[in-house]
Amino acid sequence: PIQPVPTQRTKGVFVYSTLYDQIVVGPTAEEQKSRIDRTPNPECSDYLTSTALRILPDLDPVYQYVGQYVGIRPATNFRDYQISMTAESRWVAAAGIRSTGLTASLGIGRHIVDVLRSVLPFPKPLASIRTTPLPDLKQMVEQFNTSEGGYVLIHGFLYKVTHPLTRYGFQKRSGIAQERIQGLNNN
C-alpha cells in the first residue's frame, strides 16, 4: 500500500490494490457518537475520493466506483491495545485491538500465554504450532456464489463471508460484480 506518515491520531489513509484487482482507499479515523449507524458520511467520501485522485490521477471515480462501506472499530479511549488479567477470576481481557492486531496476533497470543504462565501451572510449553491451510480460492469462490447467503466451508466449519471487500471480490471472480458495474454505468 501507499502509506502516509502516521500521526498521534491516525496512521492516515491508505491506497492499495486487493487480491481482486480493486483499488481501496481508506480507512479514516473519524470519530462518531453512534455505535450502530453505518451511514457513509458524504464529506468523508469526498475526502477519500480526493485522496485517491491525488495519488492515482488517472483513476475514474465514476466509472470505477464500486461502493463504500462503514465499519465501527473496536477502539478504546487508549492508543495502545488493552491487555489485562484478573488472576483471581482467571480472566484475560484483550481489547481495543484494531486491524493491526491481525499482524500482531501471534505476538499478542504469546504475550497472553506469558501472562497466564505467571499465575497458572502449565505442563510443558508447546513445541510447535500446527497451521491449517485455507482451501483453494477458486473452491471458496464457487461455494460462496452457489450457497444461499454467501457461505464457505473451511475444514468442516461453515463460515458466512461478511467483509464487503471479500464479498465483492468473490462476486468479481464469478462475473457477478462485473454485471453490477455495467448496470451502474448504464443508469
Protein backbone atom coordinates (compact mmCIF):
# COMPACT_ATOMS: atom_id res chain seq x y z
CA PRO A 1 0.00 0.00 0.00
CA ILE A 2 0.93 3.63 -0.35
CA GLN A 3 1.16 4.68 3.27
CA PRO A 4 1.27 8.20 4.68
CA VAL A 5 3.37 9.24 7.66
CA PRO A 6 1.42 8.31 10.81
CA THR A 7 0.41 10.88 13.41
CA GLN A 8 -0.57 10.53 17.07
CA ARG A 9 -4.23 10.28 15.98
CA THR A 10 -4.12 8.11 12.86
CA LYS A 11 -1.99 6.07 10.53
CA GLY A 12 -3.59 8.01 7.71
CA VAL A 13 -5.49 6.96 4.62
CA PHE A 14 -4.06 4.03 2.65
CA VAL A 15 -4.39 3.45 -1.09
CA TYR A 16 -3.90 -0.18 -2.05
CA SER A 17 -4.89 -2.87 -4.51
CA THR A 18 -6.67 -6.00 -3.34
CA LEU A 19 -6.32 -9.62 -4.41
CA TYR A 20 -9.37 -8.97 -6.61
CA ASP A 21 -7.82 -6.03 -8.53
CA GLN A 22 -9.74 -3.38 -6.64
CA ILE A 23 -8.26 -0.06 -5.59
CA VAL A 24 -9.22 0.62 -1.98
CA VAL A 25 -8.93 4.00 -0.29
CA GLY A 26 -9.20 4.25 3.48
CA PRO A 27 -9.71 3.95 6.32
CA THR A 28 -10.31 7.22 8.09
CA ALA A 29 -10.11 7.85 11.80
CA GLU A 30 -13.30 9.86 12.05
CA GLU A 31 -14.92 9.84 15.47
CA GLN A 32 -18.65 9.26 15.67
CA LYS A 33 -21.12 9.14 18.51
CA SER A 34 -23.25 6.23 17.32
CA ARG A 35 -22.02 2.65 17.65
CA ILE A 36 -24.67 1.36 15.24
CA ASP A 37 -25.05 4.00 12.50
CA ARG A 38 -23.03 2.87 9.47
CA THR A 39 -24.31 5.51 7.06
CA PRO A 40 -21.45 6.86 4.92
CA ASN A 41 -20.54 10.47 5.65
CA PRO A 42 -20.61 12.50 2.36
CA GLU A 43 -17.73 14.78 3.43
CA CYS A 44 -15.64 11.73 4.31
CA SER A 45 -16.47 10.12 0.94
CA ASP A 46 -15.39 13.30 -0.87
CA TYR A 47 -12.14 13.36 1.13
CA LEU A 48 -11.37 9.73 0.22
CA THR A 49 -12.10 10.42 -3.46
CA SER A 50 -9.78 13.43 -3.49
CA THR A 51 -7.07 11.38 -1.74
CA ALA A 52 -7.38 8.63 -4.35
CA LEU A 53 -7.20 11.14 -7.21
CA ARG A 54 -4.17 12.86 -5.69
CA ILE A 55 -2.29 9.55 -5.61
CA LEU A 56 -3.82 7.97 -8.75
CA PRO A 57 -4.73 10.88 -11.06
CA ASP A 58 -5.83 8.56 -13.90
CA LEU A 59 -8.45 6.87 -11.71
CA ASP A 60 -12.01 7.39 -12.95
CA PRO A 61 -14.02 7.57 -9.71
CA VAL A 62 -17.36 7.47 -11.55
CA TYR A 63 -16.72 4.52 -13.87
CA GLN A 64 -14.52 2.53 -11.49
CA TYR A 65 -16.56 3.21 -8.34
CA VAL A 66 -17.99 0.04 -6.85
CA GLY A 67 -19.23 1.05 -3.44
CA GLN A 68 -18.35 2.07 0.05
CA TYR A 69 -18.76 0.66 3.49
CA VAL A 70 -18.54 1.96 7.01
CA GLY A 71 -17.26 -0.08 9.89
CA ILE A 72 -17.18 0.54 13.60
CA ARG A 73 -13.71 -0.08 15.00
CA PRO A 74 -13.19 -1.85 18.31
CA ALA A 75 -11.34 1.16 19.69
CA THR A 76 -10.99 2.35 23.24
CA ASN A 77 -10.01 5.75 24.52
CA PHE A 78 -6.43 4.46 24.77
CA ARG A 79 -3.97 4.46 21.89
CA ASP A 80 -2.44 1.03 22.64
CA TYR A 81 -4.02 -2.41 22.88
CA GLN A 82 -5.54 -3.05 26.30
CA ILE A 83 -4.46 -6.46 27.59
CA SER A 84 -5.03 -7.22 31.25
CA MET A 85 -5.59 -10.15 33.55
CA THR A 86 -7.53 -10.70 36.74
CA ALA A 87 -5.76 -13.67 38.34
CA GLU A 88 -8.45 -14.39 40.95
CA SER A 89 -11.11 -14.99 38.33
CA ARG A 90 -8.69 -16.40 35.73
CA TRP A 91 -9.84 -13.77 33.26
CA VAL A 92 -7.78 -12.23 30.47
CA ALA A 93 -9.14 -9.27 28.54
CA ALA A 94 -7.71 -8.25 25.16
CA ALA A 95 -9.47 -5.09 23.97
CA GLY A 96 -9.03 -2.20 21.57
CA ILE A 97 -7.30 -4.45 19.05
CA ARG A 98 -7.69 -2.90 15.63
CA SER A 99 -6.72 -4.17 12.19
CA THR A 100 -3.05 -4.14 13.16
CA GLY A 101 -4.00 -6.93 15.54
CA LEU A 102 -4.03 -9.36 12.63
CA THR A 103 -0.35 -8.73 12.02
CA ALA A 104 0.34 -8.68 15.75
CA SER A 105 -1.87 -11.67 16.62
CA LEU A 106 0.97 -14.14 17.21
CA GLY A 107 2.76 -11.66 19.48
CA ILE A 108 -0.48 -10.85 21.31
CA GLY A 109 -1.13 -14.56 21.82
CA ARG A 110 2.41 -15.16 23.07
CA HIS A 111 2.08 -12.21 25.49
CA ILE A 112 -1.22 -13.58 26.85
CA VAL A 113 0.34 -17.04 27.32
CA ASP A 114 3.26 -15.42 29.19
CA VAL A 115 0.81 -13.52 31.41
CA LEU A 116 -1.11 -16.74 32.10
CA ARG A 117 2.09 -18.67 32.84
CA SER A 118 2.84 -16.19 35.62
CA VAL A 119 -0.22 -17.36 37.58
CA LEU A 120 -1.32 -20.74 36.22
CA PRO A 121 0.55 -24.02 36.30
CA PHE A 122 1.24 -25.13 32.76
CA PRO A 123 2.51 -28.53 31.73
CA LYS A 124 5.32 -28.17 29.23
CA PRO A 125 5.48 -25.46 26.57
CA LEU A 126 4.12 -26.29 23.16
CA ALA A 127 6.89 -27.49 20.88
CA SER A 128 5.21 -26.33 17.69
CA ILE A 129 2.01 -24.84 16.35
CA ARG A 130 0.16 -26.71 13.64
CA THR A 131 -1.21 -24.43 10.96
CA THR A 132 -4.35 -25.05 8.96
CA PRO A 133 -4.13 -24.02 5.29
CA LEU A 134 -7.16 -22.47 3.62
CA PRO A 135 -8.94 -24.31 0.83
CA ASP A 136 -8.29 -23.31 -2.77
CA LEU A 137 -9.56 -19.78 -3.52
CA LYS A 138 -11.43 -20.96 -6.62
CA GLN A 139 -13.26 -23.54 -4.50
CA MET A 140 -14.23 -20.92 -1.89
CA VAL A 141 -15.48 -18.52 -4.61
CA GLU A 142 -17.65 -21.28 -6.08
CA GLN A 143 -19.07 -22.18 -2.66
CA PHE A 144 -19.76 -18.52 -1.86
CA ASN A 145 -21.64 -17.94 -5.10
CA THR A 146 -23.68 -21.17 -5.02
CA SER A 147 -24.64 -21.14 -1.34
CA GLU A 148 -27.73 -19.43 -0.02
CA GLY A 149 -26.42 -16.36 1.81
CA GLY A 150 -22.72 -16.43 0.86
CA TYR A 151 -21.17 -19.20 2.95
CA VAL A 152 -17.93 -21.15 2.56
CA LEU A 153 -16.96 -24.46 4.13
CA ILE A 154 -13.49 -24.50 5.69
CA HIS A 155 -12.29 -27.73 7.33
CA GLY A 156 -15.79 -28.84 8.27
CA PHE A 157 -16.99 -25.46 9.57
CA LEU A 158 -19.44 -23.21 7.72
CA TYR A 159 -18.48 -19.52 7.65
CA LYS A 160 -20.57 -16.59 6.38
CA VAL A 161 -18.50 -14.19 4.29
CA THR A 162 -19.32 -10.74 5.67
CA HIS A 163 -16.46 -8.38 4.78
CA PRO A 164 -17.53 -6.13 1.89
CA LEU A 165 -14.21 -6.39 0.03
CA THR A 166 -14.18 -10.18 0.20
CA ARG A 167 -17.83 -10.43 -0.84
CA TYR A 168 -17.23 -8.12 -3.81
CA GLY A 169 -14.04 -9.94 -4.76
CA PHE A 170 -15.75 -13.32 -4.69
CA GLN A 171 -18.53 -11.90 -6.88
CA LYS A 172 -15.99 -10.35 -9.25
CA ARG A 173 -14.22 -13.66 -9.71
CA SER A 174 -17.53 -15.19 -10.79
CA GLY A 175 -18.58 -12.29 -13.06
CA ILE A 176 -21.44 -11.14 -10.81
CA ALA A 177 -19.65 -7.91 -9.83
CA GLN A 178 -18.92 -7.02 -13.47
CA GLU A 179 -22.64 -7.26 -14.24
CA ARG A 180 -23.32 -4.93 -11.30
CA ILE A 181 -20.76 -2.35 -12.52
CA GLN A 182 -22.22 -2.45 -16.05
CA GLY A 183 -25.68 -1.92 -14.56
CA LEU A 184 -24.46 1.13 -12.61
CA ASN A 185 -22.78 2.58 -15.67
CA ASN A 186 -25.89 2.12 -17.84
CA ASN A 187 -28.04 4.16 -15.42
